[in-house]
Amino acid sequence: MLLQWCTLSPAGPSKLSAIRFSSPSRVHSIKIFPTDVQPFGQCPDIIARTEPEAFFLDVYFNAHPVGSPVDAKQKLKAPNALMPTVIPYAGGIVEYVVNMGSEVH
């Protein structure tokens, strides 16, 4: 299932880009397409553009524990447990599986 299709362009002095969702979401995989590939057979006018041709992508997931909080006070505290990983992209159509485990969203 495609949840997000977007363009990421590093910005600012930190050269960071971010994708944020309005509610907790589980990421199963990240797929990267090289330049000039048509990622969607039903939409031939959509053409991928990936620059540079190879790179390392630092990815940070904000992990939210699964389960209901013990009390209302705990529910108000949004955890900020970042789970870092590095994706080495060497070109081509590549899908990276993300194993977040069953204990987090």
Protein backbone atom coordinates (compact mmCIF):
# COMPACT_ATOMS: atom_id res chain seq x y z
CA MET A 1 0.00 0.00 0.00
CA LEU A 2 1.33 3.42 -0.92
CA LEU A 3 0.99 5.79 1.97
CA GLN A 4 3.28 8.61 0.89
CA TRP A 5 4.77 9.65 -2.47
CA CYS A 6 6.78 12.84 -2.18
CA THR A 7 9.78 14.90 -3.11
CA LEU A 8 12.38 15.45 -0.41
CA SER A 9 14.82 18.32 -0.83
CA PRO A 10 17.34 19.09 1.92
CA ALA A 11 16.90 22.61 3.26
CA GLY A 12 18.51 24.99 5.71
CA PRO A 13 21.94 24.80 7.31
CA SER A 14 21.25 21.29 8.63
CA LYS A 15 20.32 19.95 5.15
CA LEU A 16 17.36 18.02 6.62
CA SER A 17 14.05 16.97 5.09
CA ALA A 18 11.11 15.52 6.99
CA ILE A 19 7.95 13.57 6.34
CA ARG A 20 5.42 13.86 9.16
CA PHE A 21 2.06 12.17 9.57
CA SER A 22 -0.85 13.53 11.63
CA SER A 23 -1.24 10.26 13.53
CA PRO A 24 1.02 7.30 14.39
CA SER A 25 1.79 5.27 11.26
CA ARG A 26 3.67 2.02 10.70
CA VAL A 27 6.30 2.09 7.97
CA HIS A 28 6.79 -1.30 6.32
CA SER A 29 9.24 -0.26 3.63
CA ILE A 30 10.92 2.62 1.84
CA LYS A 31 11.20 2.33 -1.93
CA ILE A 32 13.54 4.50 -3.98
CA PHE A 33 13.29 4.84 -7.77
CA PRO A 34 16.12 6.06 -10.02
CA THR A 35 15.74 9.01 -12.38
CA ASP A 36 13.58 8.49 -15.51
CA VAL A 37 11.72 5.43 -14.14
CA GLN A 38 7.91 5.32 -14.28
CA PRO A 39 7.02 4.04 -10.78
CA PHE A 40 3.27 3.70 -11.48
CA GLY A 41 2.03 1.72 -14.49
CA GLN A 42 -1.37 3.46 -14.33
CA CYS A 43 0.23 6.93 -14.37
CA PRO A 44 2.79 7.06 -17.20
CA ASP A 45 3.13 10.84 -16.84
CA ILE A 46 4.78 10.45 -13.41
CA ILE A 47 8.55 10.13 -13.80
CA ALA A 48 10.97 9.64 -10.91
CA ARG A 49 13.91 11.96 -10.35
CA THR A 50 16.51 10.91 -7.79
CA GLU A 51 19.65 12.94 -7.25
CA PRO A 52 22.43 12.21 -6.69
CA GLU A 53 22.56 8.78 -8.32
CA ALA A 54 23.97 7.22 -5.12
CA PHE A 55 23.86 8.38 -1.49
CA PHE A 56 23.51 7.46 2.17
CA LEU A 57 20.14 8.40 3.66
CA ASP A 58 19.93 8.94 7.43
CA VAL A 59 16.40 8.03 8.55
CA TYR A 60 14.92 8.69 12.00
CA PHE A 61 11.64 7.12 13.08
CA ASN A 62 9.76 8.41 16.10
CA ALA A 63 8.67 5.23 17.90
CA HIS A 64 5.35 5.15 19.75
CA PRO A 65 4.71 2.13 22.04
CA VAL A 66 1.65 0.03 21.26
CA GLY A 67 -0.96 -0.25 24.01
CA SER A 68 -3.12 2.03 26.08
CA PRO A 69 -1.57 4.32 28.70
CA VAL A 70 -2.08 3.59 32.38
CA ASP A 71 -3.65 6.98 33.09
CA ALA A 72 -4.69 10.20 31.33
CA LYS A 73 -1.55 12.08 32.47
CA GLN A 74 0.69 9.55 30.69
CA LYS A 75 -1.43 9.91 27.52
CA LEU A 76 -0.59 13.62 27.30
CA LYS A 77 3.16 12.93 27.19
CA ALA A 78 4.17 12.22 23.60
CA PRO A 79 7.29 10.05 23.62
CA ASN A 80 10.15 11.18 21.44
CA ALA A 81 12.11 7.96 21.06
CA LEU A 82 13.99 8.34 17.78
CA MET A 83 15.11 5.14 16.08
CA PRO A 84 17.95 5.95 13.64
CA THR A 85 19.01 3.93 10.62
CA VAL A 86 21.11 4.52 7.52
CA ILE A 87 20.00 3.50 4.03
CA PRO A 88 22.81 3.08 1.48
CA TYR A 89 21.36 3.77 -1.98
CA ALA A 90 23.59 2.73 -4.89
CA GLY A 91 21.04 3.22 -7.69
CA GLY A 92 18.31 1.19 -9.34
CA ILE A 93 14.84 0.41 -8.01
CA VAL A 94 15.37 -0.59 -4.40
CA GLU A 95 12.93 -1.38 -1.59
CA TYR A 96 14.23 -1.28 1.96
CA VAL A 97 12.17 -3.27 4.45
CA VAL A 98 11.64 -1.53 7.78
CA ASN A 99 11.23 -3.90 10.73
CA MET A 100 9.76 -1.80 13.53
CA GLY A 101 8.78 -4.80 15.63
CA SER A 102 5.34 -5.47 17.04
CA GLU A 103 5.72 -3.23 20.12
CA VAL A 104 5.73 0.13 18.26
CA HIS A 105 3.52 1.96 15.72
